N, C-alpha and C. Protein backbone atom coordinates (compact mmCIF):
# COMPACT_ATOMS: atom_id res chain seq x y z
N VAL A 1 92.21 107.01 83.14
CA VAL A 1 91.23 106.45 82.22
C VAL A 1 91.57 106.90 80.81
N SER A 2 91.56 105.95 79.90
CA SER A 2 91.91 106.28 78.52
C SER A 2 90.79 107.06 77.85
N GLN A 3 91.13 107.77 76.81
CA GLN A 3 90.16 108.56 76.03
C GLN A 3 89.03 107.68 75.53
N ALA A 4 89.35 106.45 75.12
CA ALA A 4 88.35 105.55 74.55
C ALA A 4 87.22 105.27 75.54
N TYR A 5 87.50 105.31 76.83
CA TYR A 5 86.49 104.96 77.81
C TYR A 5 85.81 106.17 78.44
N THR A 6 86.12 107.37 77.97
CA THR A 6 85.44 108.56 78.48
C THR A 6 84.37 109.05 77.53
N THR A 7 84.24 108.39 76.40
CA THR A 7 83.20 108.74 75.43
C THR A 7 82.30 107.54 75.21
N LEU A 8 81.10 107.79 74.74
CA LEU A 8 80.18 106.71 74.43
C LEU A 8 80.64 105.98 73.17
N PRO A 9 80.46 104.66 73.12
CA PRO A 9 80.80 103.93 71.89
C PRO A 9 79.92 104.38 70.74
N ARG A 10 80.51 104.42 69.55
CA ARG A 10 79.76 104.84 68.36
C ARG A 10 78.97 103.72 67.73
N THR A 11 79.41 102.49 67.95
CA THR A 11 78.74 101.33 67.35
C THR A 11 78.57 100.24 68.39
N MET A 12 77.69 99.29 68.09
CA MET A 12 77.51 98.14 68.97
C MET A 12 78.81 97.33 69.04
N GLU A 13 79.52 97.21 67.92
CA GLU A 13 80.78 96.47 67.90
C GLU A 13 81.79 97.12 68.84
N GLU A 14 81.86 98.45 68.84
CA GLU A 14 82.78 99.15 69.74
C GLU A 14 82.38 98.91 71.20
N ALA A 15 81.09 98.91 71.47
CA ALA A 15 80.62 98.63 72.83
C ALA A 15 81.01 97.22 73.26
N MET A 16 80.86 96.24 72.35
CA MET A 16 81.23 94.86 72.67
C MET A 16 82.73 94.75 72.91
N GLU A 17 83.52 95.41 72.07
CA GLU A 17 84.97 95.38 72.24
C GLU A 17 85.38 95.96 73.59
N ARG A 18 84.79 97.06 73.98
CA ARG A 18 85.10 97.66 75.28
C ARG A 18 84.70 96.73 76.42
N TYR A 19 83.53 96.13 76.30
CA TYR A 19 83.06 95.23 77.35
C TYR A 19 83.99 94.02 77.49
N ILE A 20 84.32 93.39 76.38
CA ILE A 20 85.21 92.22 76.41
C ILE A 20 86.57 92.60 76.99
N THR A 21 87.10 93.74 76.57
CA THR A 21 88.39 94.21 77.08
C THR A 21 88.34 94.38 78.59
N SER A 22 87.29 95.01 79.10
CA SER A 22 87.20 95.23 80.54
C SER A 22 87.11 93.92 81.31
N ARG A 23 86.35 92.95 80.78
CA ARG A 23 86.23 91.65 81.44
C ARG A 23 87.56 90.89 81.39
N ALA A 24 88.27 90.99 80.29
CA ALA A 24 89.57 90.32 80.18
C ALA A 24 90.56 90.90 81.19
N VAL A 25 90.59 92.21 81.30
CA VAL A 25 91.50 92.86 82.26
C VAL A 25 91.16 92.41 83.67
N GLU A 26 89.87 92.39 84.02
CA GLU A 26 89.43 91.92 85.34
C GLU A 26 89.90 90.49 85.60
N ALA A 27 89.82 89.65 84.58
CA ALA A 27 90.17 88.24 84.71
C ALA A 27 91.66 87.97 84.53
N LYS A 28 92.43 89.02 84.27
CA LYS A 28 93.87 88.90 84.03
C LYS A 28 94.18 87.99 82.84
N ILE A 29 93.37 88.18 81.78
CA ILE A 29 93.54 87.45 80.53
C ILE A 29 93.89 88.47 79.45
N ASP A 30 94.69 88.06 78.49
CA ASP A 30 95.10 88.95 77.40
C ASP A 30 93.88 89.51 76.68
N PRO A 31 93.59 90.81 76.83
CA PRO A 31 92.41 91.38 76.18
C PRO A 31 92.49 91.35 74.66
N THR A 32 93.68 91.49 74.11
CA THR A 32 93.84 91.45 72.65
C THR A 32 93.40 90.09 72.12
N ARG A 33 93.80 89.04 72.79
CA ARG A 33 93.43 87.69 72.35
C ARG A 33 91.92 87.48 72.48
N LEU A 34 91.36 87.89 73.61
CA LEU A 34 89.93 87.66 73.83
C LEU A 34 89.09 88.43 72.81
N VAL A 35 89.44 89.67 72.55
CA VAL A 35 88.71 90.46 71.54
C VAL A 35 88.91 89.85 70.16
N SER A 36 90.13 89.42 69.84
CA SER A 36 90.39 88.81 68.53
C SER A 36 89.56 87.56 68.31
N ILE A 37 89.40 86.76 69.36
CA ILE A 37 88.57 85.55 69.23
C ILE A 37 87.13 85.93 68.94
N ALA A 38 86.59 86.90 69.68
CA ALA A 38 85.21 87.32 69.44
C ALA A 38 85.04 87.92 68.05
N MET A 39 86.06 88.65 67.59
CA MET A 39 85.99 89.22 66.23
C MET A 39 85.94 88.11 65.19
N CYS A 40 86.78 87.10 65.37
CA CYS A 40 86.81 86.00 64.41
C CYS A 40 85.55 85.14 64.49
N GLU A 41 85.08 84.90 65.68
CA GLU A 41 83.93 84.01 65.86
C GLU A 41 82.62 84.64 65.42
N SER A 42 82.41 85.93 65.75
CA SER A 42 81.09 86.52 65.54
C SER A 42 81.09 87.92 64.94
N ALA A 43 82.28 88.44 64.60
CA ALA A 43 82.41 89.83 64.15
C ALA A 43 81.83 90.78 65.21
N LEU A 44 81.98 90.38 66.48
CA LEU A 44 81.50 91.14 67.64
C LEU A 44 79.97 91.31 67.63
N ASN A 45 79.28 90.36 67.00
CA ASN A 45 77.82 90.36 66.98
C ASN A 45 77.33 89.46 68.10
N HIS A 46 76.80 90.06 69.16
CA HIS A 46 76.38 89.28 70.32
C HIS A 46 75.15 88.41 70.06
N LEU A 47 74.48 88.61 68.94
CA LEU A 47 73.32 87.80 68.59
C LEU A 47 73.62 86.79 67.47
N ALA A 48 74.89 86.61 67.16
CA ALA A 48 75.28 85.70 66.07
C ALA A 48 74.88 84.26 66.37
N VAL A 49 74.36 83.60 65.34
CA VAL A 49 74.03 82.17 65.40
C VAL A 49 74.62 81.53 64.15
N SER A 50 75.49 80.55 64.34
CA SER A 50 76.13 79.90 63.18
C SER A 50 75.22 78.82 62.60
N LYS A 51 75.63 78.30 61.45
CA LYS A 51 74.89 77.21 60.80
C LYS A 51 74.85 75.96 61.68
N THR A 52 75.84 75.83 62.56
CA THR A 52 75.88 74.68 63.47
C THR A 52 75.29 75.02 64.84
N HIS A 53 74.63 76.17 64.91
CA HIS A 53 73.93 76.62 66.12
C HIS A 53 74.85 77.03 67.26
N ASP A 54 76.07 77.44 66.94
CA ASP A 54 76.94 78.05 67.94
C ASP A 54 76.41 79.47 68.16
N LEU A 55 76.52 79.97 69.39
CA LEU A 55 75.79 81.18 69.76
C LEU A 55 76.65 82.29 70.34
N GLY A 56 76.31 83.52 69.95
CA GLY A 56 76.82 84.72 70.60
C GLY A 56 78.23 85.14 70.23
N LEU A 57 78.76 86.05 71.02
CA LEU A 57 80.07 86.65 70.76
C LEU A 57 81.16 85.61 70.55
N PHE A 58 81.19 84.61 71.42
CA PHE A 58 82.27 83.61 71.38
C PHE A 58 81.81 82.30 70.75
N GLN A 59 80.62 82.31 70.10
CA GLN A 59 80.08 81.15 69.40
C GLN A 59 80.15 79.90 70.28
N ILE A 60 79.46 79.99 71.41
CA ILE A 60 79.41 78.88 72.36
C ILE A 60 78.62 77.72 71.74
N ASN A 61 79.24 76.54 71.73
CA ASN A 61 78.67 75.36 71.11
C ASN A 61 77.58 74.75 71.99
N ARG A 62 76.59 74.15 71.34
CA ARG A 62 75.46 73.58 72.07
C ARG A 62 75.86 72.42 72.98
N VAL A 63 77.04 71.86 72.79
CA VAL A 63 77.50 70.80 73.70
C VAL A 63 77.58 71.33 75.13
N HIS A 64 77.68 72.65 75.27
CA HIS A 64 77.78 73.27 76.59
C HIS A 64 76.42 73.63 77.19
N ASN A 65 75.33 73.32 76.50
CA ASN A 65 74.00 73.70 76.99
C ASN A 65 73.71 73.23 78.42
N PRO A 66 74.04 71.99 78.79
CA PRO A 66 73.76 71.58 80.18
C PRO A 66 74.49 72.45 81.21
N THR A 67 75.74 72.78 80.94
CA THR A 67 76.51 73.62 81.86
C THR A 67 75.97 75.04 81.89
N LEU A 68 75.64 75.57 80.71
CA LEU A 68 75.04 76.90 80.66
C LEU A 68 73.76 76.94 81.49
N LYS A 69 72.93 75.92 81.35
CA LYS A 69 71.67 75.87 82.08
C LYS A 69 71.92 75.81 83.59
N LYS A 70 72.86 74.95 84.01
CA LYS A 70 73.22 74.85 85.43
C LYS A 70 73.68 76.19 85.99
N MET A 71 74.44 76.93 85.16
CA MET A 71 74.98 78.22 85.59
C MET A 71 73.96 79.36 85.44
N GLY A 72 72.81 79.06 84.83
CA GLY A 72 71.79 80.07 84.62
C GLY A 72 72.18 81.14 83.61
N LEU A 73 72.93 80.71 82.57
CA LEU A 73 73.44 81.66 81.58
C LEU A 73 72.74 81.50 80.24
N ASN A 74 72.51 82.62 79.58
CA ASN A 74 71.92 82.66 78.24
C ASN A 74 73.03 83.03 77.26
N PRO A 75 73.40 82.13 76.34
CA PRO A 75 74.52 82.42 75.44
C PRO A 75 74.28 83.56 74.46
N LEU A 76 73.02 84.00 74.29
CA LEU A 76 72.77 85.15 73.42
C LEU A 76 72.78 86.48 74.19
N ASN A 77 73.01 86.41 75.47
CA ASN A 77 73.21 87.61 76.28
C ASN A 77 74.71 87.85 76.32
N TYR A 78 75.15 89.03 75.89
CA TYR A 78 76.60 89.24 75.75
C TYR A 78 77.36 89.12 77.06
N THR A 79 76.75 89.51 78.18
CA THR A 79 77.47 89.37 79.45
C THR A 79 77.59 87.90 79.83
N ASP A 80 76.50 87.13 79.64
CA ASP A 80 76.54 85.70 79.94
C ASP A 80 77.50 84.95 79.01
N ASN A 81 77.49 85.31 77.73
CA ASN A 81 78.36 84.65 76.76
C ASN A 81 79.82 84.89 77.13
N THR A 82 80.14 86.11 77.50
CA THR A 82 81.52 86.43 77.90
C THR A 82 81.88 85.72 79.20
N THR A 83 80.94 85.69 80.14
CA THR A 83 81.18 84.98 81.40
C THR A 83 81.49 83.51 81.13
N PHE A 84 80.72 82.90 80.23
CA PHE A 84 80.94 81.49 79.93
C PHE A 84 82.26 81.29 79.19
N ALA A 85 82.60 82.19 78.28
CA ALA A 85 83.89 82.09 77.60
C ALA A 85 85.03 82.15 78.61
N LEU A 86 84.94 83.06 79.57
CA LEU A 86 85.98 83.15 80.61
C LEU A 86 86.02 81.89 81.46
N TYR A 87 84.86 81.31 81.72
CA TYR A 87 84.79 80.04 82.45
C TYR A 87 85.51 78.95 81.66
N LEU A 88 85.22 78.84 80.36
CA LEU A 88 85.88 77.83 79.53
C LEU A 88 87.39 78.03 79.50
N ILE A 89 87.83 79.28 79.39
CA ILE A 89 89.26 79.57 79.38
C ILE A 89 89.90 79.15 80.70
N SER A 90 89.21 79.40 81.81
CA SER A 90 89.76 79.01 83.12
C SER A 90 89.88 77.49 83.24
N LYS A 91 88.98 76.75 82.57
CA LYS A 91 89.00 75.29 82.64
C LYS A 91 89.92 74.66 81.59
N ASN A 92 89.91 75.23 80.36
CA ASN A 92 90.55 74.56 79.22
C ASN A 92 91.60 75.40 78.50
N GLY A 93 91.90 76.57 79.00
CA GLY A 93 92.78 77.46 78.24
C GLY A 93 92.05 77.91 76.98
N TRP A 94 92.76 78.05 75.90
CA TRP A 94 92.19 78.56 74.64
C TRP A 94 91.70 77.43 73.73
N ARG A 95 91.73 76.20 74.21
CA ARG A 95 91.41 75.01 73.41
C ARG A 95 90.05 75.06 72.74
N ASP A 96 89.05 75.65 73.40
CA ASP A 96 87.70 75.66 72.82
C ASP A 96 87.61 76.48 71.54
N TRP A 97 88.62 77.30 71.27
CA TRP A 97 88.64 78.10 70.04
C TRP A 97 89.79 77.70 69.12
N SER A 98 90.26 76.46 69.26
CA SER A 98 91.37 76.00 68.43
C SER A 98 90.99 75.93 66.95
N ALA A 99 89.73 75.66 66.64
CA ALA A 99 89.31 75.57 65.23
C ALA A 99 89.42 76.91 64.52
N SER A 100 89.33 78.01 65.25
CA SER A 100 89.44 79.34 64.63
C SER A 100 90.78 80.00 64.89
N ARG A 101 91.71 79.24 65.43
CA ARG A 101 93.03 79.78 65.77
C ARG A 101 93.71 80.44 64.56
N HIS A 102 93.51 79.89 63.38
CA HIS A 102 94.12 80.46 62.17
C HIS A 102 93.69 81.92 61.98
N CYS A 103 92.55 82.28 62.50
CA CYS A 103 92.03 83.65 62.36
C CYS A 103 92.55 84.55 63.48
N TRP A 104 92.42 84.12 64.75
CA TRP A 104 92.73 85.02 65.86
C TRP A 104 94.18 84.99 66.32
N TYR A 105 94.87 83.88 66.20
CA TYR A 105 96.23 83.81 66.73
C TYR A 105 97.20 84.76 66.01
N PRO A 106 97.19 84.82 64.68
CA PRO A 106 98.10 85.78 64.01
C PRO A 106 97.82 87.23 64.42
N LYS A 107 96.55 87.59 64.61
CA LYS A 107 96.20 88.95 65.03
C LYS A 107 96.74 89.25 66.41
N THR A 108 96.66 88.26 67.29
CA THR A 108 97.14 88.42 68.66
C THR A 108 98.64 88.68 68.66
N ILE A 109 99.38 87.91 67.87
CA ILE A 109 100.83 88.08 67.79
C ILE A 109 101.16 89.45 67.21
N ALA A 110 100.53 89.83 66.12
CA ALA A 110 100.83 91.11 65.46
C ALA A 110 100.51 92.29 66.37
N LEU A 111 99.39 92.25 67.06
CA LEU A 111 98.99 93.37 67.90
C LEU A 111 99.79 93.47 69.19
N ASN A 112 100.37 92.36 69.64
CA ASN A 112 101.17 92.38 70.86
C ASN A 112 102.65 92.57 70.59
N SER A 113 103.04 92.66 69.32
CA SER A 113 104.45 92.85 68.98
C SER A 113 104.86 94.31 69.16
N PRO A 114 106.12 94.51 69.57
CA PRO A 114 106.57 95.92 69.74
C PRO A 114 106.71 96.64 68.43
């Protein structure tokens, strides 16, 4: 276990980053990319609401409301928001965050470089 996970997070953002990382590892998805997307979309604010009413860590768009409802998920709940983001990734790859790619993709490349 790494040092980072043996101590309590100091901030809510650190807690969100740890949570997203753990879910990405479980799902066998690049944790750096998943955290970078959440940082770009919401600054790791699980209660973020955009001007266009996108919600939560991964700024889930209201077009997904019927599916969220069917799945019994609340996009302002950080665990549900992450679960739905992982669902979208499993269905569509990273396409749902293509509009913010200019923000997260360069970070992903830089952080994964040797």
